[in-house]
Amino acid sequence: MAQEYKTADQRFAARRPDVLVYETEPLEEDVTVVGPVNADLFVSTTGTDSDWVVKLIDVYPDDYPDPNPNPANVKMGGYQQLVRGDVMRGKFRKSFEKPEPFSPGQPASVKFALQDVYHTFRSGHRIMVQVQSSWFPLVDRNPQTFTDIYTAKDSEFKKATQRVYYTREMPSRVAVLVMP
């Protein structure tokens, strides 16, 4: 990961049509989250493999002041600060030792923990979660086929449709611990 990506504004991703965005209303008081960020997704793909990227983001209020001086011309109003982000290559969702393909179109559970966090979302800010299936160039492209990515031929890269489910039977979620 390039050093500047850790502080890069994530608005570019929130505008992409292939990124799911979930956001709270502005917080009425500070919220401090600690410990692991657990992604518990129910997903499907029309391929036989897919990556699942989850990002936890701190969204600044629209009227947040810009720094002064501001040599980089950073616009802080609405700034989306990456707090944590990680990826799970779907074929390793059950075991890193025994990768397994997805059954195309069939829902599957993908669970993984992002790195621990200790972050305070300030009052007036929003908590955002972004879910996507590509994080290139930070993570190499997934061909959407169950293959060895590092030796995959161009012909093995296929277009696929990813779905994230949120129903009573398949309640996808991202869970954090909130300090009292």
Protein backbone atom coordinates (compact mmCIF):
# COMPACT_ATOMS: atom_id res chain seq x y z
CA MET A 1 0.00 0.00 0.00
CA ALA A 2 1.42 3.36 -0.96
CA GLN A 3 1.93 5.56 2.09
CA GLU A 4 -0.36 8.30 0.74
CA TYR A 5 -3.25 5.83 0.36
CA LYS A 6 -3.54 5.65 4.14
CA THR A 7 -4.65 9.28 4.20
CA ALA A 8 -6.25 9.55 0.75
CA ASP A 9 -9.82 10.83 0.59
CA GLN A 10 -12.11 7.84 -0.17
CA ARG A 11 -14.80 9.87 -1.97
CA PHE A 12 -13.53 8.56 -5.30
CA ALA A 13 -14.58 5.02 -4.29
CA ALA A 14 -17.94 6.05 -2.82
CA ARG A 15 -18.90 7.45 -6.24
CA ARG A 16 -18.15 4.20 -8.10
CA PRO A 17 -21.21 2.19 -9.19
CA ASP A 18 -19.57 -1.08 -8.06
CA VAL A 19 -19.09 0.05 -4.45
CA LEU A 20 -21.82 -0.39 -1.84
CA VAL A 21 -21.93 2.50 0.62
CA TYR A 22 -23.62 2.43 4.03
CA GLU A 23 -23.56 5.58 6.13
CA THR A 24 -24.99 6.73 9.45
CA GLU A 25 -26.69 10.04 10.06
CA PRO A 26 -24.41 12.67 11.61
CA LEU A 27 -23.42 11.47 15.08
CA GLU A 28 -24.96 13.32 18.00
CA GLU A 29 -22.00 12.47 20.25
CA ASP A 30 -18.49 11.04 19.94
CA VAL A 31 -18.33 7.29 19.24
CA THR A 32 -15.10 5.42 20.01
CA VAL A 33 -14.63 2.00 18.43
CA VAL A 34 -11.96 -0.42 19.70
CA GLY A 35 -10.67 -3.86 18.83
CA PRO A 36 -11.39 -5.92 15.75
CA VAL A 37 -13.65 -4.87 12.90
CA ASN A 38 -15.52 -8.04 11.89
CA ALA A 39 -16.98 -8.43 8.42
CA ASP A 40 -19.73 -11.06 8.23
CA LEU A 41 -21.01 -11.06 4.66
CA PHE A 42 -23.47 -13.19 2.73
CA VAL A 43 -22.51 -12.90 -0.91
CA SER A 44 -22.72 -14.48 -4.31
CA THR A 45 -20.86 -14.15 -7.56
CA THR A 46 -21.59 -15.30 -11.08
CA GLY A 47 -17.95 -16.39 -11.22
CA THR A 48 -16.14 -19.03 -9.19
CA ASP A 49 -13.94 -16.62 -7.19
CA SER A 50 -14.19 -13.02 -6.04
CA ASP A 51 -12.51 -10.63 -3.64
CA TRP A 52 -14.46 -8.92 -0.86
CA VAL A 53 -13.13 -5.59 0.38
CA VAL A 54 -14.54 -3.88 3.47
CA LYS A 55 -13.55 -0.35 4.48
CA LEU A 56 -14.48 1.53 7.67
CA ILE A 57 -14.48 5.29 7.00
CA ASP A 58 -14.82 8.48 9.06
CA VAL A 59 -16.84 11.06 7.08
CA TYR A 60 -16.19 14.66 8.08
CA PRO A 61 -19.06 17.18 8.19
CA ASP A 62 -19.68 19.12 4.96
CA ASP A 63 -18.76 22.38 6.69
CA TYR A 64 -15.49 21.10 8.20
CA PRO A 65 -12.82 23.80 7.76
CA ASP A 66 -9.85 23.32 5.43
CA PRO A 67 -6.38 23.45 7.01
CA ASN A 68 -4.54 26.74 6.98
CA PRO A 69 -2.07 26.79 5.37
CA ASN A 70 -3.34 24.29 2.79
CA PRO A 71 -0.54 23.70 0.25
CA ALA A 72 -2.13 20.46 -1.03
CA ASN A 73 -5.52 22.22 -1.48
CA VAL A 74 -7.29 19.53 0.57
CA LYS A 75 -11.07 20.01 0.89
CA MET A 76 -11.99 18.72 4.34
CA GLY A 77 -15.76 19.24 4.04
CA GLY A 78 -17.14 15.73 3.39
CA TYR A 79 -13.66 14.21 3.56
CA GLN A 80 -13.76 10.41 3.82
CA GLN A 81 -10.90 9.21 6.03
CA LEU A 82 -9.99 5.52 5.75
CA VAL A 83 -9.92 4.12 9.28
CA ARG A 84 -9.53 0.43 8.38
CA GLY A 85 -9.75 -1.62 5.22
CA ASP A 86 -8.98 -5.18 4.28
CA VAL A 87 -9.71 -7.81 1.67
CA MET A 88 -10.69 -11.47 1.73
CA ARG A 89 -9.98 -13.46 -1.41
CA GLY A 90 -13.19 -15.48 -1.58
CA LYS A 91 -11.63 -18.82 -2.39
CA PHE A 92 -9.91 -18.70 1.03
CA ARG A 93 -13.13 -17.93 2.95
CA LYS A 94 -13.14 -21.33 4.70
CA SER A 95 -9.44 -22.21 4.73
CA PHE A 96 -6.15 -20.75 3.58
CA GLU A 97 -4.79 -24.28 3.14
CA LYS A 98 -7.67 -25.61 1.02
CA PRO A 99 -9.08 -22.94 -1.31
CA GLU A 100 -12.60 -23.60 -2.57
CA PRO A 101 -14.53 -22.16 -5.53
CA PHE A 102 -17.87 -20.40 -5.24
CA SER A 103 -20.88 -22.05 -6.82
CA PRO A 104 -21.98 -19.39 -9.34
CA GLY A 105 -25.09 -17.53 -8.19
CA GLN A 106 -25.29 -19.38 -4.86
CA PRO A 107 -25.07 -17.35 -1.62
CA ALA A 108 -22.07 -18.09 0.58
CA SER A 109 -20.78 -16.80 3.90
CA VAL A 110 -17.56 -14.76 3.93
CA LYS A 111 -16.25 -13.81 7.37
CA PHE A 112 -13.02 -12.03 8.20
CA ALA A 113 -11.55 -9.63 10.72
CA LEU A 114 -9.93 -6.37 9.73
CA GLN A 115 -7.05 -5.11 11.85
CA ASP A 116 -7.89 -3.88 15.33
CA VAL A 117 -8.87 -0.26 15.65
CA TYR A 118 -8.96 2.47 18.27
CA HIS A 119 -10.67 5.44 16.66
CA THR A 120 -13.09 8.12 17.78
CA PHE A 121 -15.71 9.31 15.32
CA ARG A 122 -16.46 12.87 16.48
CA SER A 123 -19.94 14.30 16.89
CA GLY A 124 -21.18 15.69 13.58
CA HIS A 125 -19.16 13.08 11.66
CA ARG A 126 -20.69 10.01 10.01
CA ILE A 127 -19.60 6.38 10.11
CA MET A 128 -19.38 4.83 6.65
CA VAL A 129 -18.76 1.29 5.44
CA GLN A 130 -17.79 0.64 1.83
CA VAL A 131 -17.97 -2.88 0.36
CA GLN A 132 -16.41 -3.63 -3.01
CA SER A 133 -14.84 -6.53 -4.87
CA SER A 134 -11.77 -4.82 -6.29
CA TRP A 135 -9.01 -2.81 -4.64
CA PHE A 136 -6.60 -2.55 -7.55
CA PRO A 137 -3.76 -1.57 -7.52
CA LEU A 138 -3.50 -2.27 -3.79
CA VAL A 139 -4.62 -5.86 -4.37
CA ASP A 140 -3.96 -7.69 -7.63
CA ARG A 141 -6.94 -8.21 -9.93
CA ASN A 142 -9.03 -11.29 -9.33
CA PRO A 143 -9.95 -13.08 -12.60
CA GLN A 144 -13.32 -14.08 -11.06
CA THR A 145 -12.42 -17.69 -11.85
CA PHE A 146 -11.07 -20.31 -9.47
CA THR A 147 -7.48 -20.38 -10.66
CA ASP A 148 -3.94 -19.52 -9.61
CA ILE A 149 -4.09 -15.75 -10.05
CA TYR A 150 -0.33 -15.39 -10.37
CA THR A 151 -0.19 -17.63 -13.45
CA ALA A 152 -3.65 -16.84 -14.88
CA LYS A 153 -3.87 -16.26 -18.62
CA ASP A 154 -5.81 -13.32 -20.03
CA SER A 155 -8.53 -15.77 -21.15
CA GLU A 156 -9.16 -16.76 -17.51
CA PHE A 157 -10.22 -13.22 -16.55
CA LYS A 158 -14.03 -13.05 -16.78
CA LYS A 159 -16.68 -10.45 -16.06
CA ALA A 160 -18.78 -11.35 -13.02
CA THR A 161 -21.62 -9.88 -11.00
CA GLN A 162 -21.19 -9.76 -7.21
CA ARG A 163 -24.06 -9.50 -4.74
CA VAL A 164 -24.16 -8.76 -1.03
CA TYR A 165 -27.29 -9.99 0.76
CA TYR A 166 -29.02 -8.34 3.69
CA THR A 167 -32.09 -10.31 4.70
CA ARG A 168 -33.36 -11.96 7.88
CA GLU A 169 -31.85 -15.25 6.69
CA MET A 170 -28.61 -13.68 5.38
CA PRO A 171 -27.89 -10.63 7.58
CA SER A 172 -24.62 -9.23 6.24
CA ARG A 173 -22.98 -6.90 8.72
CA VAL A 174 -19.82 -5.21 9.87
CA ALA A 175 -19.45 -5.31 13.65
CA VAL A 176 -17.32 -3.12 15.89
CA LEU A 177 -16.96 -2.79 19.64
CA VAL A 178 -18.06 0.62 20.96
CA MET A 179 -16.55 1.98 24.17
CA PRO A 180 -19.18 3.00 26.72
